[in-house]
C-alpha atoms as a PDB file:
ATOM      1  CA  MET A   1     142.054  79.077-118.782  1.00  0.00           C
ATOM      2  CA  LEU A   2     138.390  79.750-119.370  1.00  0.00           C
ATOM      3  CA  ALA A   3     137.319  80.354-115.800  1.00  0.00           C
ATOM      4  CA  THR A   4     139.913  82.838-114.599  1.00  0.00           C
ATOM      5  CA  ARG A   5     138.602  86.242-113.578  1.00  0.00           C
ATOM      6  CA  GLY A   6     140.583  87.857-116.379  1.00  0.00           C
ATOM      7  CA  SER A   7     138.910  85.748-119.061  1.00  0.00           C
ATOM      8  CA  ILE A   8     135.974  87.233-120.957  1.00  0.00           C
ATOM      9  CA  MET A   9     134.403  83.762-120.713  1.00  0.00           C
ATOM     10  CA  HIS A  10     134.597  83.539-116.927  1.00  0.00           C
ATOM     11  CA  ASP A  11     130.849  84.027-116.408  1.00  0.00           C
ATOM     12  CA  GLY A  12     128.345  81.290-117.094  1.00  0.00           C
ATOM     13  CA  PHE A  13     128.652  77.521-116.968  1.00  0.00           C
ATOM     14  CA  HIS A  14     130.978  75.422-119.121  1.00  0.00           C
ATOM     15  CA  LEU A  15     129.208  72.189-120.090  1.00  0.00           C
ATOM     16  CA  ILE A  16     130.986  68.845-120.278  1.00  0.00           C
ATOM     17  CA  GLU A  17     129.502  65.618-121.629  1.00  0.00           C
ATOM     18  CA  ALA A  18     129.686  63.214-118.673  1.00  0.00           C
ATOM     19  CA  LYS A  19     130.652  60.017-120.498  1.00  0.00           C
ATOM     20  CA  SER A  20     133.236  61.380-122.927  1.00  0.00           C
ATOM     21  CA  GLY A  21     134.499  64.338-120.898  1.00  0.00           C
ATOM     22  CA  ASP A  22     134.205  66.531-123.998  1.00  0.00           C
ATOM     23  CA  LEU A  23     133.678  70.260-123.506  1.00  0.00           C
ATOM     24  CA  THR A  24     130.435  70.950-125.391  1.00  0.00           C
ATOM     25  CA  HIS A  25     129.509  74.532-124.468  1.00  0.00           C
ATOM     26  CA  ILE A  26     131.413  77.519-123.072  1.00  0.00           C
ATOM     27  CA  ALA A  27     130.128  80.296-120.786  1.00  0.00           C
ATOM     28  CA  GLN A  28     126.464  79.312-120.938  1.00  0.00           C
ATOM     29  CA  PHE A  29     123.825  81.025-118.872  1.00  0.00           C
ATOM     30  CA  VAL A  30     121.218  78.535-117.725  1.00  0.00           C
ATOM     31  CA  SER A  31     117.802  79.011-116.220  1.00  0.00           C
ATOM     32  CA  PRO A  32     117.340  76.488-113.412  1.00  0.00           C
ATOM     33  CA  PRO A  33     114.010  74.848-112.634  1.00  0.00           C
ATOM     34  CA  LEU A  34     112.413  76.567-109.662  1.00  0.00           C
ATOM     35  CA  ASP A  35     109.916  73.856-108.681  1.00  0.00           C
ATOM     36  CA  VAL A  36     112.344  72.291-106.173  1.00  0.00           C
ATOM     37  CA  ALA A  37     112.954  75.649-104.478  1.00  0.00           C
ATOM     38  CA  LEU A  38     109.276  76.588-104.476  1.00  0.00           C
ATOM     39  CA  ALA A  39     108.293  73.222-102.985  1.00  0.00           C
ATOM     40  CA  ASN A  40     110.850  73.618-100.165  1.00  0.00           C
ATOM     41  CA  PRO A  41     110.805  77.291 -99.123  1.00  0.00           C
ATOM     42  CA  LEU A  42     112.166  76.615 -95.622  1.00  0.00           C
ATOM     43  CA  ALA A  43     115.184  74.609 -96.789  1.00  0.00           C
ATOM     44  CA  VAL A  44     118.690  75.990 -96.348  1.00  0.00           C
ATOM     45  CA  TRP A  45     119.631  77.335 -99.769  1.00  0.00           C
ATOM     46  CA  PRO A  46     123.080  78.341-101.033  1.00  0.00           C
ATOM     47  CA  GLN A  47     124.137  81.968-101.018  1.00  0.00           C
ATOM     48  CA  GLY A  48     124.744  83.396-104.462  1.00  0.00           C
ATOM     49  CA  ALA A  49     123.249  82.888-107.888  1.00  0.00           C
ATOM     50  CA  ARG A  50     125.897  80.471-109.196  1.00  0.00           C
ATOM     51  CA  GLN A  51     125.594  78.072-106.266  1.00  0.00           C
ATOM     52  CA  MET A  52     121.794  78.217-106.348  1.00  0.00           C
ATOM     53  CA  THR A  53     121.797  77.583-110.098  1.00  0.00           C
ATOM     54  CA  ALA A  54     124.231  74.663-109.754  1.00  0.00           C
ATOM     55  CA  LYS A  55     122.127  73.097-106.995  1.00  0.00           C
ATOM     56  CA  LEU A  56     118.876  73.420-108.933  1.00  0.00           C
ATOM     57  CA  ILE A  57     120.152  72.283-112.341  1.00  0.00           C
ATOM     58  CA  SER A  58     121.693  69.220-110.677  1.00  0.00           C
ATOM     59  CA  THR A  59     118.129  68.026-110.003  1.00  0.00           C
ATOM     60  CA  LEU A  60     117.411  67.671-113.733  1.00  0.00           C
ATOM     61  CA  PRO A  61     117.460  64.068-115.012  1.00  0.00           C
ATOM     62  CA  GLN A  62     119.750  64.928-117.941  1.00  0.00           C
ATOM     63  CA  VAL A  63     122.361  66.552-115.661  1.00  0.00           C
ATOM     64  CA  GLU A  64     124.906  64.220-114.038  1.00  0.00           C
ATOM     65  CA  ALA A  65     126.332  66.916-111.756  1.00  0.00           C
ATOM     66  CA  ALA A  66     126.975  70.646-111.554  1.00  0.00           C
ATOM     67  CA  ALA A  67     130.193  72.091-110.181  1.00  0.00           C
ATOM     68  CA  ILE A  68     131.418  75.556-109.364  1.00  0.00           C
ATOM     69  CA  ILE A  69     134.637  77.006-108.036  1.00  0.00           C
ATOM     70  CA  SER A  70     134.062  79.893-105.650  1.00  0.00           C
ATOM     71  CA  ALA A  71     136.086  83.109-105.664  1.00  0.00           C
ATOM     72  CA  GLU A  72     137.883  81.724-102.595  1.00  0.00           C
ATOM     73  CA  GLY A  73     138.884  78.592-104.534  1.00  0.00           C
ATOM     74  CA  TYR A  74     136.451  76.119-102.959  1.00  0.00           C
ATOM     75  CA  ILE A  75     135.134  73.418-105.277  1.00  0.00           C
ATOM     76  CA  HIS A  76     131.433  72.632-104.866  1.00  0.00           C
ATOM     77  CA  ILE A  77     129.780  69.729-106.668  1.00  0.00           C
ATOM     78  CA  TYR A  78     126.019  69.270-106.685  1.00  0.00           C
ATOM     79  CA  LYS A  79     124.362  65.962-107.546  1.00  0.00           C
ATOM     80  CA  ASN A  80     120.605  65.479-107.360  1.00  0.00           C
ATOM     81  CA  GLY A  81     120.323  68.722-105.417  1.00  0.00           C
ATOM     82  CA  PHE A  82     122.872  67.818-102.745  1.00  0.00           C
ATOM     83  CA  GLU A  83     126.256  69.492-102.291  1.00  0.00           C
ATOM     84  CA  ASP A  84     129.630  67.897-101.805  1.00  0.00           C
ATOM     85  CA  THR A  85     132.524  70.303-101.191  1.00  0.00           C
ATOM     86  CA  ILE A  86     135.496  68.318-102.408  1.00  0.00           C
ATOM     87  CA  GLY A  87     138.370  70.621-101.718  1.00  0.00           C
ATOM     88  CA  GLU A  88     140.093  73.869-102.403  1.00  0.00           C
ATOM     89  CA  LEU A  89     142.271  75.061-105.267  1.00  0.00           C
ATOM     90  CA  GLN A  90     145.759  76.090-104.252  1.00  0.00           C
END
């Protein structure tokens, strides 16, 4: 598995092409656009760099969604800057 803590590729985002489901990039570090955050300084923002990055990159038109799995096993999906926690890994 790529995203296990023991994997050297556990950091960064793994990119999947939305229509085909193909894995296109592994362990990528992305720089999210900050204009959404700067325009809404009083909004409730996620704690942690990965969640903040996922939320912000999900606002880009070429990004269908961004998902992360927290250290506690919670799955968070961001679409258009909004979060949907869909469950927990067992």
